[in-house]
Protein backbone atom coordinates (compact mmCIF):
# COMPACT_ATOMS: atom_id res chain seq x y z
CA UNK A 1 253.03 -153.31 -110.02
CA UNK A 2 252.24 -150.14 -108.18
CA UNK A 3 252.20 -148.18 -104.95
CA UNK A 4 249.55 -148.98 -102.38
CA UNK A 5 248.43 -147.99 -98.90
CA UNK A 6 245.75 -150.03 -97.14
CA UNK A 7 243.48 -148.38 -94.57
CA UNK A 8 240.20 -148.57 -92.66
CA UNK A 9 238.08 -145.51 -93.46
CA UNK A 10 234.33 -144.95 -93.20
CA UNK A 11 232.36 -143.03 -95.81
CA UNK A 12 232.35 -139.66 -94.02
CA UNK A 13 236.16 -139.57 -93.83
CA UNK A 14 236.39 -140.87 -97.39
CA UNK A 15 234.30 -137.92 -98.57
CA UNK A 16 237.01 -135.63 -97.14
CA UNK A 17 239.56 -137.55 -99.23
CA UNK A 18 237.42 -137.05 -102.35
CA UNK A 19 237.24 -133.31 -101.65
CA UNK A 20 241.03 -133.29 -101.31
CA UNK A 21 241.32 -135.02 -104.70
CA UNK A 22 239.19 -132.29 -106.28
CA UNK A 23 241.38 -129.65 -104.58
CA UNK A 24 244.39 -131.31 -106.22
CA UNK A 25 242.77 -131.03 -109.67
CA UNK A 26 241.65 -134.65 -109.97
CA UNK A 27 238.24 -135.80 -111.15
CA UNK A 28 236.26 -138.83 -109.98
CA UNK A 29 235.56 -141.75 -112.30
CA UNK A 30 233.00 -144.39 -111.38
CA UNK A 31 231.59 -147.36 -113.25
CA UNK A 32 227.79 -147.17 -113.10
CA UNK A 33 225.55 -149.67 -114.85
CA UNK A 34 228.20 -150.82 -117.34
CA UNK A 35 229.23 -147.30 -118.31
CA UNK A 36 231.76 -144.89 -116.89
CA UNK A 37 230.93 -141.48 -115.52
CA UNK A 38 233.40 -138.69 -114.76
CA UNK A 39 232.40 -136.33 -111.97
CA UNK A 40 233.71 -132.76 -111.95
CA UNK A 41 231.74 -131.70 -108.88
CA UNK A 42 231.65 -133.29 -105.42
CA UNK A 43 227.93 -132.62 -104.95
CA UNK A 44 227.00 -134.80 -107.97
CA UNK A 45 228.78 -137.98 -106.80
CA UNK A 46 226.79 -141.09 -105.98
CA UNK A 47 228.73 -142.73 -103.13
CA UNK A 48 226.98 -146.09 -103.45
CA UNK A 49 230.15 -147.73 -104.80
CA UNK A 50 232.99 -148.56 -102.43
CA UNK A 51 235.63 -148.23 -105.18
CA UNK A 52 236.26 -145.09 -107.19
CA UNK A 53 239.05 -143.75 -109.35
CA UNK A 54 240.65 -140.33 -109.19
CA UNK A 55 241.43 -139.27 -112.74
CA UNK A 56 244.09 -136.81 -113.90
CA UNK A 57 242.75 -135.55 -117.23
CA UNK A 58 245.91 -133.71 -118.35
CA UNK A 59 247.97 -136.91 -117.94
CA UNK A 60 246.13 -138.71 -120.74
CA UNK A 61 242.96 -140.64 -121.54
CA UNK A 62 241.32 -143.42 -119.54
CA UNK A 63 241.79 -146.70 -121.39
CA UNK A 64 238.70 -148.93 -121.46
CA UNK A 65 239.16 -152.56 -122.57
CA UNK A 66 236.88 -154.42 -124.98
CA UNK A 67 235.28 -156.14 -121.95
CA UNK A 68 234.33 -152.71 -120.51
CA UNK A 69 236.97 -152.74 -117.77
CA UNK A 70 239.30 -149.90 -116.93
CA UNK A 71 242.93 -150.58 -117.82
CA UNK A 72 244.26 -149.08 -114.60
CA UNK A 73 247.89 -149.80 -115.52
CA UNK A 74 247.75 -147.67 -118.68
CA UNK A 75 245.32 -144.99 -117.45
CA UNK A 76 246.26 -141.95 -115.32
CA UNK A 77 244.16 -143.15 -112.39
CA UNK A 78 244.40 -143.59 -108.64
CA UNK A 79 242.14 -146.36 -107.33
CA UNK A 80 240.55 -145.62 -103.96
CA UNK A 81 237.73 -146.79 -101.78
CA UNK A 82 236.18 -146.75 -98.36
CA UNK A 83 235.65 -149.55 -95.86
CA UNK A 84 232.57 -151.69 -96.02
CA UNK A 85 230.87 -152.00 -92.63
CA UNK A 86 229.01 -155.32 -92.48
CA UNK A 87 226.29 -154.77 -89.87
CA UNK A 88 225.24 -158.43 -89.89
CA UNK A 89 228.70 -159.92 -89.28
CA UNK A 90 229.92 -156.89 -87.29
CA UNK A 91 233.03 -156.65 -89.46
CA UNK A 92 234.84 -153.77 -91.14
CA UNK A 93 236.79 -154.41 -94.33
CA UNK A 94 239.92 -152.56 -95.30
CA UNK A 95 240.28 -150.51 -98.42
CA UNK A 96 243.20 -149.01 -100.28
CA UNK A 97 244.65 -146.29 -102.41
CA UNK A 98 246.63 -147.65 -105.35
CA UNK A 99 248.40 -146.33 -108.40
CA UNK A 100 250.18 -148.28 -111.13
CA UNK A 101 253.94 -147.97 -111.47
CA UNK A 102 253.53 -148.06 -115.22
CA UNK A 103 253.07 -150.54 -118.05
CA UNK A 104 254.89 -152.35 -120.83
CA UNK A 105 254.26 -150.88 -124.27
CA UNK A 106 253.73 -153.00 -127.37
CA UNK A 107 257.40 -152.38 -128.23
CA UNK A 108 258.39 -153.90 -124.85
CA UNK A 109 259.43 -150.57 -123.34
CA UNK A 110 258.38 -149.87 -119.74
CA UNK A 111 256.42 -146.61 -119.54
CA UNK A 112 256.41 -145.12 -116.03
CA UNK A 113 253.37 -143.33 -114.62
CA UNK A 114 253.09 -139.61 -115.13
CA UNK A 115 255.21 -137.58 -112.68
CA UNK A 116 252.35 -135.17 -111.96
CA UNK A 117 250.06 -138.09 -111.09
CA UNK A 118 252.78 -139.45 -108.80
CA UNK A 119 252.94 -136.14 -106.89
CA UNK A 120 249.17 -136.00 -106.52
CA UNK A 121 249.11 -139.63 -105.33
CA UNK A 122 251.75 -138.81 -102.71
CA UNK A 123 249.68 -135.83 -101.52
CA UNK A 124 246.62 -138.07 -101.21
CA UNK A 125 248.61 -140.66 -99.23
CA UNK A 126 249.80 -137.98 -96.80
CA UNK A 127 246.22 -136.82 -96.35
CA UNK A 128 245.01 -140.38 -95.67
CA UNK A 129 247.65 -140.70 -92.96
CA UNK A 130 246.16 -137.60 -91.30
CA UNK A 131 242.61 -138.93 -91.57
CA UNK A 132 243.58 -142.45 -90.49
CA UNK A 133 246.68 -142.46 -88.24
CA UNK A 134 248.89 -145.55 -87.99
CA UNK A 135 247.57 -147.38 -84.92
CA UNK A 136 247.78 -150.82 -83.28
CA UNK A 137 244.51 -152.76 -83.40
CA UNK A 138 243.32 -156.33 -82.99
CA UNK A 139 242.51 -157.82 -86.40
CA UNK A 140 240.58 -161.03 -87.05
CA UNK A 141 242.84 -163.35 -89.07
CA UNK A 142 241.38 -164.29 -92.47
CA UNK A 143 243.76 -167.18 -93.06
CA UNK A 144 241.93 -170.45 -92.18
CA UNK A 145 245.13 -171.69 -90.58
CA UNK A 146 244.59 -169.19 -87.74
CA UNK A 147 240.96 -170.31 -87.20
CA UNK A 148 239.59 -166.75 -86.85
CA UNK A 149 241.95 -165.79 -84.02
CA UNK A 150 242.77 -162.14 -83.51
CA UNK A 151 246.25 -160.71 -83.81
CA UNK A 152 247.61 -157.25 -83.18
CA UNK A 153 248.66 -155.25 -86.23
CA UNK A 154 249.50 -151.67 -86.98
CA UNK A 155 247.08 -150.24 -89.53
CA UNK A 156 245.85 -146.90 -90.83
CA UNK A 157 242.41 -146.41 -89.26
CA UNK A 158 240.11 -143.45 -88.64
CA UNK A 159 239.21 -142.55 -85.06
CA UNK A 160 235.53 -143.31 -85.79
CA UNK A 161 236.28 -146.91 -86.78
CA UNK A 162 238.91 -147.32 -84.07
CA UNK A 163 236.25 -146.56 -81.44
CA UNK A 164 234.01 -149.27 -82.91
CA UNK A 165 236.89 -151.78 -82.77
CA UNK A 166 238.03 -150.84 -79.27
CA UNK A 167 234.48 -151.08 -77.90
CA UNK A 168 234.29 -154.67 -79.17
CA UNK A 169 231.31 -153.74 -81.33
CA UNK A 170 233.07 -154.67 -84.62
CA UNK A 171 236.11 -156.57 -85.89
CA UNK A 172 238.56 -155.44 -88.55
CA UNK A 173 239.14 -158.02 -91.25
């Protein structure tokens, strides 16, 4: 369970979101070559991954499972990413910002996410809505039942990607 906002956002706009996260006191956590790296400075970040985590250090530790996965339900993290632009298929994927509602403890008590993290997540969501306003666009249906037909949907999308969609150059998926 959690809170989520899906959006279409290219890397340049996403970098503005990352800067906002740093302004809010968050750090960036990325899995690189089977290890996790925490970035304290924007200039050091390798943006080759399309999914990153914003980490609130004062809210507690990041929990790593035995399989080397992040336990995002128990960790004070906000999962984010940017849209993948597939040049070959001329498609743009959506991404999201997500935070866990909380988790069940071993004693079967539900532990809600940290209130400070919740406020920072809400600030990030508001910023995304400025970067990627809620707009009607034609989206290619992914359900095989619709046979690739397009349908109109309201989505959060940056003006850069909206221009690519409106020109017919790319499709949102």
